[in-house]
């Protein structure tokens, strides 16, 4: 059994088992939270406002940028996997079709998990669990609404974690150079300079 056959069977099974008007409304709302990464960009902006949480905000933005570059920009176009509703025109969509024709990996899921894991890697433990739950809900909404196959969402979660990890690695390498640059711009007052 190939991956597409398994994915299609899982997608149909999930939809047949769980589909309901209440869940339709909930999943439509949840998926919209992930549109254009808005909820995560808002969180990053809030975290950037306080010095104590600024690093977490920077990490979210960096992780999402890496996810956008490699996930949406590179992988989607390399894999070029059609979305479920293009493979099966009989699927009735609850939301507008995506402007992006390709399905793998799920961009909503990738950015959600990139942001959630960035929060965790920045040490914001109290915020990490709610972010992780929201990221999982957004990922599930993409399957429920038949925008993505389950493997697209799984890959999005894994690539999101990788983007957060890469962002942390990159930020650790950049921080010494940034702090040296900041010290050079603002030398300490030694009493000799006016």
N, C-alpha and C. Protein backbone atom coordinates (compact mmCIF):
# COMPACT_ATOMS: atom_id res chain seq x y z
N UNK A 1 0.85 -1.18 0.00
CA UNK A 1 0.00 0.00 0.00
C UNK A 1 0.89 1.24 0.00
N UNK A 2 0.67 2.14 -0.98
CA UNK A 2 1.52 3.33 -1.02
C UNK A 2 0.97 4.41 -0.09
N UNK A 3 1.76 5.46 0.11
CA UNK A 3 1.43 6.49 1.09
C UNK A 3 0.13 7.22 0.74
N UNK A 4 -0.09 7.50 -0.53
CA UNK A 4 -1.29 8.24 -0.93
C UNK A 4 -2.54 7.43 -0.64
N UNK A 5 -2.50 6.13 -0.88
CA UNK A 5 -3.66 5.27 -0.60
C UNK A 5 -3.93 5.26 0.90
N UNK A 6 -2.90 5.09 1.71
CA UNK A 6 -3.04 5.09 3.17
C UNK A 6 -3.55 6.44 3.66
N UNK A 7 -2.96 7.52 3.15
CA UNK A 7 -3.37 8.87 3.52
C UNK A 7 -4.84 9.12 3.18
N UNK A 8 -5.25 8.70 2.00
CA UNK A 8 -6.63 8.90 1.56
C UNK A 8 -7.59 8.12 2.45
N UNK A 9 -7.21 6.89 2.80
CA UNK A 9 -8.05 6.07 3.68
C UNK A 9 -8.17 6.71 5.06
N UNK A 10 -7.05 7.21 5.61
CA UNK A 10 -7.07 7.88 6.92
C UNK A 10 -7.91 9.15 6.87
N UNK A 11 -7.73 9.93 5.83
CA UNK A 11 -8.47 11.17 5.67
C UNK A 11 -9.97 10.91 5.61
N UNK A 12 -10.36 9.96 4.80
CA UNK A 12 -11.78 9.61 4.68
C UNK A 12 -12.33 9.06 5.98
N UNK A 13 -11.55 8.22 6.66
CA UNK A 13 -11.98 7.63 7.92
C UNK A 13 -12.18 8.67 9.00
N UNK A 14 -11.23 9.61 9.12
CA UNK A 14 -11.33 10.69 10.11
C UNK A 14 -12.57 11.52 9.83
N UNK A 15 -12.77 11.86 8.58
CA UNK A 15 -13.92 12.70 8.22
C UNK A 15 -15.23 11.98 8.46
N UNK A 16 -15.31 10.70 8.10
CA UNK A 16 -16.55 9.94 8.29
C UNK A 16 -16.87 9.75 9.77
N UNK A 17 -15.83 9.54 10.58
CA UNK A 17 -16.02 9.27 12.00
C UNK A 17 -16.37 10.52 12.80
N UNK A 18 -15.75 11.65 12.48
CA UNK A 18 -15.85 12.82 13.34
C UNK A 18 -16.72 13.95 12.80
N UNK A 19 -17.07 13.91 11.55
CA UNK A 19 -17.78 15.03 10.93
C UNK A 19 -19.09 15.34 11.64
N UNK A 20 -19.27 16.63 12.01
CA UNK A 20 -20.51 17.09 12.64
C UNK A 20 -20.60 18.60 12.44
N UNK A 21 -21.81 19.16 12.47
CA UNK A 21 -21.94 20.61 12.28
C UNK A 21 -21.17 21.43 13.33
N UNK A 22 -21.19 20.99 14.59
CA UNK A 22 -20.46 21.70 15.64
C UNK A 22 -18.96 21.69 15.40
N UNK A 23 -18.44 20.52 15.03
CA UNK A 23 -17.00 20.40 14.75
C UNK A 23 -16.64 21.15 13.47
N UNK A 24 -17.56 21.17 12.51
CA UNK A 24 -17.32 21.96 11.29
C UNK A 24 -17.05 23.41 11.64
N UNK A 25 -17.88 23.99 12.50
CA UNK A 25 -17.71 25.39 12.90
C UNK A 25 -16.42 25.59 13.70
N UNK A 26 -16.16 24.68 14.64
CA UNK A 26 -14.96 24.79 15.47
C UNK A 26 -13.69 24.70 14.63
N UNK A 27 -13.62 23.70 13.76
CA UNK A 27 -12.41 23.50 12.95
C UNK A 27 -12.20 24.64 11.96
N UNK A 28 -13.28 25.21 11.46
CA UNK A 28 -13.17 26.36 10.56
C UNK A 28 -12.55 27.55 11.31
N UNK A 29 -12.98 27.76 12.55
CA UNK A 29 -12.43 28.84 13.37
C UNK A 29 -10.97 28.58 13.73
N UNK A 30 -10.68 27.36 14.14
CA UNK A 30 -9.31 27.00 14.54
C UNK A 30 -8.35 27.17 13.37
N UNK A 31 -8.74 26.72 12.19
CA UNK A 31 -7.83 26.80 11.05
C UNK A 31 -7.56 28.25 10.67
N UNK A 32 -8.56 29.12 10.87
CA UNK A 32 -8.37 30.54 10.54
C UNK A 32 -7.35 31.21 11.47
N UNK A 33 -7.21 30.69 12.68
CA UNK A 33 -6.19 31.22 13.59
C UNK A 33 -4.79 31.04 12.99
N UNK A 34 -4.63 30.00 12.19
CA UNK A 34 -3.33 29.75 11.58
C UNK A 34 -3.12 30.43 10.24
N UNK A 35 -4.16 31.07 9.69
CA UNK A 35 -4.03 31.73 8.39
C UNK A 35 -2.91 32.77 8.43
N UNK A 36 -2.00 32.67 7.48
CA UNK A 36 -0.86 33.58 7.35
C UNK A 36 -0.01 33.67 8.62
N UNK A 37 -0.15 32.67 9.50
CA UNK A 37 0.60 32.67 10.75
C UNK A 37 0.21 33.80 11.69
N UNK A 38 -0.97 34.38 11.48
CA UNK A 38 -1.37 35.59 12.20
C UNK A 38 -1.27 35.45 13.72
N UNK A 39 -1.82 34.39 14.28
CA UNK A 39 -1.83 34.23 15.75
C UNK A 39 -0.41 34.16 16.30
N UNK A 40 0.49 33.54 15.54
CA UNK A 40 1.88 33.38 15.98
C UNK A 40 2.65 34.69 15.84
N UNK A 41 2.36 35.43 14.77
CA UNK A 41 2.99 36.74 14.61
C UNK A 41 2.53 37.71 15.70
N UNK A 42 1.26 37.62 16.05
CA UNK A 42 0.73 38.44 17.15
C UNK A 42 1.41 38.07 18.46
N UNK A 43 1.56 36.78 18.71
CA UNK A 43 2.24 36.34 19.93
C UNK A 43 3.68 36.84 19.95
N UNK A 44 4.38 36.73 18.82
CA UNK A 44 5.77 37.20 18.75
C UNK A 44 5.84 38.71 19.04
N UNK A 45 4.90 39.47 18.47
CA UNK A 45 4.89 40.92 18.70
C UNK A 45 4.68 41.25 20.17
N UNK A 46 3.80 40.52 20.84
CA UNK A 46 3.55 40.72 22.27
C UNK A 46 4.81 40.39 23.07
N UNK A 47 5.44 39.26 22.73
CA UNK A 47 6.65 38.85 23.46
C UNK A 47 7.81 39.81 23.23
N UNK A 48 7.87 40.42 22.07
CA UNK A 48 8.96 41.37 21.78
C UNK A 48 8.86 42.64 22.62
N UNK A 49 7.69 42.93 23.14
CA UNK A 49 7.47 44.18 23.91
C UNK A 49 8.15 44.18 25.27
N UNK A 50 8.41 43.00 25.83
CA UNK A 50 9.02 42.92 27.17
C UNK A 50 10.44 42.35 27.06
N UNK A 51 11.40 43.00 27.70
CA UNK A 51 12.77 42.47 27.64
C UNK A 51 12.89 41.02 28.12
N UNK A 52 12.10 40.63 29.13
CA UNK A 52 12.19 39.28 29.68
C UNK A 52 11.72 38.21 28.69
N UNK A 53 10.86 38.58 27.74
CA UNK A 53 10.32 37.60 26.78
C UNK A 53 10.78 37.87 25.35
N UNK A 54 11.61 38.88 25.19
CA UNK A 54 12.03 39.30 23.83
C UNK A 54 12.71 38.17 23.05
N UNK A 55 13.52 37.40 23.72
CA UNK A 55 14.23 36.31 23.01
C UNK A 55 13.24 35.31 22.43
N UNK A 56 12.17 35.01 23.16
CA UNK A 56 11.15 34.08 22.66
C UNK A 56 10.48 34.66 21.42
N UNK A 57 10.20 35.96 21.42
CA UNK A 57 9.60 36.60 20.25
C UNK A 57 10.50 36.53 19.03
N UNK A 58 11.78 36.80 19.25
CA UNK A 58 12.75 36.72 18.14
C UNK A 58 12.84 35.28 17.62
N UNK A 59 12.86 34.32 18.53
CA UNK A 59 12.96 32.92 18.14
C UNK A 59 11.74 32.48 17.32
N UNK A 60 10.55 32.93 17.71
CA UNK A 60 9.34 32.60 16.93
C UNK A 60 9.47 33.14 15.51
N UNK A 61 9.86 34.41 15.39
CA UNK A 61 9.96 35.02 14.07
C UNK A 61 11.01 34.33 13.20
N UNK A 62 12.13 34.00 13.80
CA UNK A 62 13.20 33.33 13.06
C UNK A 62 12.77 31.93 12.64
N UNK A 63 12.13 31.18 13.54
CA UNK A 63 11.66 29.83 13.21
C UNK A 63 10.61 29.87 12.10
N UNK A 64 9.70 30.84 12.18
CA UNK A 64 8.68 30.95 11.14
C UNK A 64 9.28 31.35 9.80
N UNK A 65 10.29 32.21 9.83
CA UNK A 65 10.96 32.61 8.59
C UNK A 65 11.66 31.42 7.94
N UNK A 66 12.32 30.61 8.76
CA UNK A 66 12.97 29.40 8.23
C UNK A 66 11.93 28.43 7.67
N UNK A 67 10.80 28.28 8.39
CA UNK A 67 9.72 27.42 7.91
C UNK A 67 9.15 27.90 6.59
N UNK A 68 8.99 29.19 6.46
CA UNK A 68 8.46 29.77 5.22
C UNK A 68 9.43 29.53 4.07
N UNK A 69 10.69 29.76 4.32
CA UNK A 69 11.72 29.61 3.29
C UNK A 69 11.85 28.16 2.82
N UNK A 70 12.02 27.25 3.79
CA UNK A 70 12.28 25.86 3.41
C UNK A 70 11.02 25.04 3.20
N UNK A 71 9.98 25.28 4.00
CA UNK A 71 8.75 24.50 3.87
C UNK A 71 7.90 24.95 2.71
N UNK A 72 7.42 26.19 2.81
CA UNK A 72 6.55 26.72 1.77
C UNK A 72 7.31 27.04 0.48
N UNK A 73 8.50 27.61 0.63
CA UNK A 73 9.24 28.03 -0.55
C UNK A 73 9.93 26.90 -1.30
N UNK A 74 10.50 25.96 -0.57
CA UNK A 74 11.30 24.92 -1.22
C UNK A 74 10.58 23.57 -1.30
N UNK A 75 10.22 23.00 -0.15
CA UNK A 75 9.66 21.64 -0.14
C UNK A 75 8.34 21.51 -0.90
N UNK A 76 7.43 22.46 -0.68
CA UNK A 76 6.13 22.37 -1.37
C UNK A 76 6.32 22.28 -2.88
N UNK A 77 7.23 23.09 -3.40
CA UNK A 77 7.46 23.11 -4.85
C UNK A 77 8.26 21.92 -5.34
N UNK A 78 9.14 21.39 -4.49
CA UNK A 78 9.90 20.20 -4.88
C UNK A 78 9.02 18.95 -4.90
N UNK A 79 8.21 18.77 -3.86
CA UNK A 79 7.35 17.59 -3.77
C UNK A 79 6.15 17.72 -4.70
N UNK A 80 5.57 18.91 -4.76
CA UNK A 80 4.45 19.23 -5.66
C UNK A 80 3.29 18.23 -5.53
N UNK A 81 2.93 17.93 -4.31
CA UNK A 81 1.83 16.98 -4.07
C UNK A 81 0.49 17.72 -4.12
N UNK A 82 -0.43 17.30 -4.97
CA UNK A 82 -1.73 17.99 -5.04
C UNK A 82 -2.51 17.83 -3.73
N UNK A 83 -3.33 18.81 -3.44
CA UNK A 83 -4.17 18.76 -2.24
C UNK A 83 -5.26 17.70 -2.41
N UNK A 84 -5.79 17.20 -1.28
CA UNK A 84 -6.80 16.13 -1.36
C UNK A 84 -8.01 16.49 -2.22
N UNK A 85 -8.48 17.71 -2.13
CA UNK A 85 -9.68 18.09 -2.87
C UNK A 85 -9.44 18.23 -4.38
N UNK A 86 -8.17 18.35 -4.79
CA UNK A 86 -7.91 18.33 -6.24
C UNK A 86 -7.81 16.91 -6.75
N UNK A 87 -7.36 16.01 -5.88
CA UNK A 87 -7.30 14.59 -6.26
C UNK A 87 -8.69 13.98 -6.29
N UNK A 88 -9.61 14.49 -5.45
CA UNK A 88 -10.98 13.98 -5.39
C UNK A 88 -11.95 15.15 -5.47
N UNK A 89 -12.39 15.49 -6.68
CA UNK A 89 -13.30 16.64 -6.84
C UNK A 89 -14.63 16.48 -6.12
N UNK A 90 -14.96 15.30 -5.62
CA UNK A 90 -16.20 15.07 -4.89
C UNK A 90 -16.17 15.60 -3.47
N UNK A 91 -14.99 16.00 -2.98
CA UNK A 91 -14.87 16.51 -1.62
C UNK A 91 -15.56 17.87 -1.52
N UNK A 92 -16.45 17.99 -0.55
CA UNK A 92 -17.16 19.25 -0.30
C UNK A 92 -16.36 20.04 0.74
N UNK A 93 -15.82 21.18 0.33
CA UNK A 93 -15.00 21.99 1.23
C UNK A 93 -15.86 22.91 2.08
N UNK A 94 -15.43 23.11 3.32
CA UNK A 94 -16.10 24.02 4.25
C UNK A 94 -15.47 25.41 4.24
N UNK A 95 -14.28 25.51 3.66
CA UNK A 95 -13.59 26.79 3.53
C UNK A 95 -13.14 26.94 2.09
N UNK A 96 -12.70 28.14 1.76
CA UNK A 96 -12.22 28.40 0.40
C UNK A 96 -10.99 27.55 0.09
N UNK A 97 -10.86 27.09 -1.16
CA UNK A 97 -9.65 26.36 -1.53
C UNK A 97 -8.41 27.24 -1.33
N UNK A 98 -7.30 26.62 -1.05
CA UNK A 98 -6.06 27.36 -0.83
C UNK A 98 -5.55 27.96 -2.14
N UNK A 99 -4.86 29.10 -2.02
CA UNK A 99 -4.23 29.69 -3.20
C UNK A 99 -3.00 28.88 -3.60
N UNK A 100 -2.42 28.16 -2.62
CA UNK A 100 -1.28 27.31 -2.92
C UNK A 100 -1.79 25.96 -3.41
N UNK A 101 -1.35 25.51 -4.56
CA UNK A 101 -1.89 24.26 -5.09
C UNK A 101 -1.34 23.00 -4.41
N UNK A 102 -0.21 23.13 -3.70
CA UNK A 102 0.45 21.94 -3.18
C UNK A 102 0.20 21.73 -1.70
N UNK A 103 0.30 20.45 -1.32
CA UNK A 103 -0.16 20.01 -0.01
C UNK A 103 0.96 19.67 0.98
N UNK A 104 2.12 19.26 0.51
CA UNK A 104 3.15 18.73 1.40
C UNK A 104 4.33 19.70 1.51
N UNK A 105 4.70 20.09 2.73
CA UNK A 105 4.07 19.86 4.03
C UNK A 105 2.98 20.90 4.29
N UNK A 106 2.20 20.69 5.33
CA UNK A 106 1.17 21.66 5.71
C UNK A 106 1.84 22.91 6.27
N UNK A 107 1.66 24.03 5.59
CA UNK A 107 2.26 25.28 6.05
C UNK A 107 1.66 25.78 7.36
N UNK A 108 0.33 25.65 7.51
CA UNK A 108 -0.31 26.05 8.76
C UNK A 108 0.32 25.29 9.93
N UNK A 109 0.48 23.98 9.74
CA UNK A 109 1.02 23.13 10.80
C UNK A 109 2.49 23.44 11.06
N UNK A 110 3.24 23.60 9.99
CA UNK A 110 4.67 23.89 10.11
C UNK A 110 4.88 25.17 10.93
N UNK A 111 4.16 26.24 10.58
CA UNK A 111 4.35 27.50 11.30
C UNK A 111 3.85 27.41 12.73
N UNK A 112 2.76 26.68 12.94
CA UNK A 112 2.23 26.54 14.31
C UNK A 112 3.23 25.81 15.20
N UNK A 113 3.78 24.71 14.71
CA UNK A 113 4.74 23.95 15.53
C UNK A 113 6.09 24.66 15.63
N UNK A 114 6.48 25.39 14.59
CA UNK A 114 7.71 26.18 14.67
C UNK A 114 7.59 27.21 15.79
N UNK A 115 6.46 27.90 15.85
CA UNK A 115 6.24 28.91 16.89
C UNK A 115 6.13 28.27 18.27
N UNK A 116 5.36 27.19 18.37
CA UNK A 116 5.17 26.54 19.67
C UNK A 116 6.49 26.01 20.22
N UNK A 117 7.26 25.33 19.39
CA UNK A 117 8.55 24.80 19.86
C UNK A 117 9.55 25.91 20.11
N UNK A 118 9.46 27.02 19.38
CA UNK A 118 10.33 28.17 19.66
C UNK A 118 10.05 28.70 21.06
N UNK A 119 8.78 28.77 21.43
CA UNK A 119 8.39 29.21 22.78
C UNK A 119 9.00 28.26 23.81
N UNK A 120 8.90 26.95 23.56
CA UNK A 120 9.46 25.97 24.48
C UNK A 120 10.97 26.05 24.58
N UNK A 121 11.64 26.19 23.43
CA UNK A 121 13.10 26.26 23.43
C UNK A 121 13.61 27.55 24.08
N UNK A 122 12.78 28.59 24.07
CA UNK A 122 13.15 29.85 24.72
C UNK A 122 12.92 29.79 26.23
N UNK A 123 12.40 28.66 26.71
CA UNK A 123 12.23 28.47 28.16
C UNK A 123 10.93 29.04 28.72
N UNK A 124 9.98 29.36 27.88
CA UNK A 124 8.70 29.90 28.34
C UNK A 124 7.75 28.73 28.60
N UNK A 125 7.98 28.00 29.68
CA UNK A 125 7.26 26.74 29.95
C UNK A 125 5.76 26.91 30.10
N UNK A 126 5.32 27.94 30.79
CA UNK A 126 3.88 28.14 31.01
C UNK A 126 3.14 28.41 29.70
N UNK A 127 3.82 29.02 28.78
CA UNK A 127 3.22 29.35 27.49
C UNK A 127 3.33 28.19 26.50
N UNK A 128 4.32 27.33 26.70
CA UNK A 128 4.60 26.25 25.75
C UNK A 128 3.43 25.28 25.59
N UNK A 129 2.84 24.80 26.69
CA UNK A 129 1.77 23.81 26.60
C UNK A 129 0.55 24.35 25.85
N UNK A 130 0.04 25.56 26.19
CA UNK A 130 -1.09 26.09 25.42
C UNK A 130 -0.75 26.27 23.93
N UNK A 131 0.48 26.70 23.65
CA UNK A 131 0.90 26.87 22.25
C UNK A 131 0.94 25.53 21.53
N UNK A 132 1.45 24.52 22.21
CA UNK A 132 1.52 23.18 21.62
C UNK A 132 0.12 22.62 21.36
N UNK A 133 -0.80 22.84 22.29
CA UNK A 133 -2.18 22.37 22.10
C UNK A 133 -2.82 23.09 20.92
N UNK A 134 -2.61 24.40 20.81
CA UNK A 134 -3.17 25.15 19.69
C UNK A 134 -2.54 24.70 18.37
N UNK A 135 -1.23 24.46 18.38
CA UNK A 135 -0.56 23.98 17.16
C UNK A 135 -1.15 22.64 16.71
N UNK A 136 -1.36 21.73 17.66
CA UNK A 136 -1.95 20.42 17.34
C UNK A 136 -3.38 20.58 16.81
N UNK A 137 -4.14 21.50 17.41
CA UNK A 137 -5.52 21.74 16.95
C UNK A 137 -5.52 22.30 15.53
N UNK A 138 -4.61 23.22 15.25
CA UNK A 138 -4.52 23.78 13.89
C UNK A 138 -4.15 22.69 12.90
N UNK A 139 -3.17 21.85 13.26
CA UNK A 139 -2.79 20.75 12.39
C UNK A 139 -3.96 19.81 12.12
N UNK A 140 -4.68 19.45 13.19
CA UNK A 140 -5.84 18.56 13.02
C UNK A 140 -6.92 19.21 12.16
N UNK A 141 -7.10 20.52 12.32
CA UNK A 141 -8.13 21.22 11.53
C UNK A 141 -7.84 21.11 10.04
N UNK A 142 -6.57 21.08 9.68
CA UNK A 142 -6.20 20.99 8.25
C UNK A 142 -6.60 19.63 7.67
N UNK A 143 -6.53 18.59 8.50
CA UNK A 143 -6.98 17.26 8.06
C UNK A 143 -8.50 17.23 8.03
N UNK A 144 -9.12 17.69 9.09
CA UNK A 144 -10.58 17.66 9.21
C UNK A 144 -11.24 18.41 8.04
N UNK A 145 -10.66 19.54 7.66
CA UNK A 145 -11.22 20.35 6.58
C UNK A 145 -10.78 19.89 5.20
N UNK A 146 -10.02 18.79 5.16
CA UNK A 146 -9.57 18.14 3.93
C UNK A 146 -8.69 19.05 3.06
N UNK A 147 -7.94 19.89 3.74
CA UNK A 147 -6.96 20.74 3.05
C UNK A 147 -5.64 19.99 2.87
N UNK A 148 -5.40 19.02 3.77
CA UNK A 148 -4.14 18.27 3.76
C UNK A 148 -4.38 16.81 4.11
N UNK A 149 -3.47 15.97 3.64
CA UNK A 149 -3.44 14.57 4.05
C UNK A 149 -2.78 14.49 5.43
N UNK A 150 -3.05 13.41 6.18
CA UNK A 150 -2.40 13.27 7.50
C UNK A 150 -0.87 13.35 7.44
N UNK A 151 -0.25 12.76 6.42
CA UNK A 151 1.21 12.81 6.35
C UNK A 151 1.73 14.22 6.10
N UNK A 152 0.94 15.08 5.45
CA UNK A 152 1.34 16.48 5.25
C UNK A 152 1.42 17.19 6.60
N UNK A 153 0.44 16.89 7.45
CA UNK A 153 0.37 17.51 8.77
C UNK A 153 1.47 16.97 9.68
N UNK A 154 1.70 15.66 9.64
CA UNK A 154 2.78 15.07 10.42
C UNK A 154 4.13 15.68 10.00
N UNK A 155 4.34 15.78 8.70
CA UNK A 155 5.59 16.38 8.20
C UNK A 155 5.68 17.84 8.61
N UNK A 156 4.56 18.56 8.56
CA UNK A 156 4.55 19.97 8.99
C UNK A 156 4.98 20.11 10.43
N UNK A 157 4.49 19.22 11.30
CA UNK A 157 4.88 19.25 12.71
C UNK A 157 6.36 18.97 12.89
N UNK A 158 6.87 17.98 12.17
CA UNK A 158 8.30 17.64 12.28
C UNK A 158 9.18 18.75 11.73
N UNK A 159 8.80 19.30 10.59
CA UNK A 159 9.58 20.40 10.02
C UNK A 159 9.48 21.65 10.89
N UNK A 160 8.33 21.84 11.55
CA UNK A 160 8.19 22.96 12.48
C UNK A 160 9.16 22.83 13.64
N UNK A 161 9.27 21.61 14.20
CA UNK A 161 10.24 21.38 15.27
C UNK A 161 11.66 21.65 14.76
N UNK A 162 11.96 21.16 13.55
CA UNK A 162 13.30 21.36 12.97
C UNK A 162 13.58 22.85 12.76
N UNK A 163 12.57 23.60 12.32
CA UNK A 163 12.75 25.05 12.11
C UNK A 163 13.03 25.76 13.43
N UNK A 164 12.31 25.37 14.49
CA UNK A 164 12.54 25.98 15.80
C UNK A 164 13.94 25.65 16.32
N UNK A 165 14.34 24.40 16.15
CA UNK A 165 15.67 23.99 16.59
C UNK A 165 16.75 24.75 15.80
N UNK A 166 16.56 24.84 14.48
CA UNK A 166 17.53 25.55 13.64
C UNK A 166 17.58 27.04 14.01
N UNK A 167 16.42 27.61 14.32
CA UNK A 167 16.36 29.02 14.73
C UNK A 167 17.13 29.23 16.02
N UNK A 168 16.97 28.31 16.97
CA UNK A 168 17.70 28.43 18.23
C UNK A 168 19.20 28.30 17.99
N UNK A 169 19.60 27.35 17.17
CA UNK A 169 21.01 27.16 16.85
C UNK A 169 21.58 28.43 16.21
N UNK A 170 20.84 28.98 15.25
CA UNK A 170 21.28 30.17 14.54
C UNK A 170 21.36 31.38 15.48
N UNK A 171 20.36 31.54 16.33
CA UNK A 171 20.34 32.67 17.25
C UNK A 171 21.50 32.59 18.24
N UNK A 172 21.83 31.39 18.71
CA UNK A 172 22.97 31.23 19.62
C UNK A 172 24.27 31.65 18.94
N UNK A 173 24.37 31.41 17.63
CA UNK A 173 25.57 31.81 16.89
C UNK A 173 25.60 33.31 16.65
N UNK A 174 24.42 33.92 16.49
CA UNK A 174 24.35 35.35 16.19
C UNK A 174 24.45 36.24 17.43
N UNK A 175 23.99 35.74 18.58
CA UNK A 175 23.93 36.57 19.80
C UNK A 175 25.27 37.17 20.19
N UNK A 176 26.40 36.43 20.17
CA UNK A 176 27.68 37.07 20.54
C UNK A 176 28.04 38.22 19.61
N UNK A 177 27.81 38.04 18.31
CA UNK A 177 28.13 39.11 17.36
C UNK A 177 27.22 40.32 17.57
N UNK A 178 25.95 40.05 17.84
CA UNK A 178 25.00 41.15 18.07
C UNK A 178 25.34 41.91 19.35
N UNK A 179 25.73 41.21 20.41
CA UNK A 179 26.06 41.91 21.65
C UNK A 179 27.37 42.68 21.51
N UNK A 180 28.34 42.17 20.73
CA UNK A 180 29.58 42.93 20.46
C UNK A 180 29.25 44.21 19.70
N UNK A 181 28.37 44.09 18.72
CA UNK A 181 27.97 45.25 17.92
C UNK A 181 27.26 46.29 18.78
N UNK A 182 26.41 45.84 19.69
CA UNK A 182 25.67 46.74 20.58
C UNK A 182 26.63 47.46 21.52
N UNK A 183 27.64 46.73 22.03
CA UNK A 183 28.63 47.35 22.93
C UNK A 183 29.46 48.39 22.18
N UNK A 184 29.77 48.12 20.91
CA UNK A 184 30.56 49.06 20.12
C UNK A 184 29.76 50.34 19.85
N UNK A 185 28.44 50.21 19.65
CA UNK A 185 27.59 51.37 19.41
C UNK A 185 27.38 52.19 20.68
N UNK A 186 27.34 51.52 21.83
CA UNK A 186 27.08 52.17 23.13
C UNK A 186 28.20 51.83 24.11
N UNK A 187 29.38 52.45 23.95
CA UNK A 187 30.46 52.10 24.90
C UNK A 187 30.10 52.55 26.31
N UNK A 188 30.58 51.81 27.31
CA UNK A 188 30.27 52.18 28.68
C UNK A 188 30.90 53.52 29.02
N UNK A 189 30.23 54.28 29.87
CA UNK A 189 30.74 55.60 30.30
C UNK A 189 31.88 55.39 31.28
N UNK A 190 33.06 55.92 30.94
CA UNK A 190 34.22 55.74 31.83
C UNK A 190 34.63 57.05 32.52
N UNK A 191 33.86 58.10 32.33
CA UNK A 191 34.17 59.37 32.98
C UNK A 191 35.10 60.25 32.17
N UNK A 192 35.73 59.68 31.12
CA UNK A 192 36.69 60.46 30.31
C UNK A 192 35.99 61.15 29.14
N UNK A 193 34.96 60.48 28.59
CA UNK A 193 34.28 61.06 27.43
C UNK A 193 33.16 61.98 27.90
N UNK A 194 32.94 63.07 27.15
CA UNK A 194 31.87 63.98 27.56
C UNK A 194 30.50 63.35 27.36
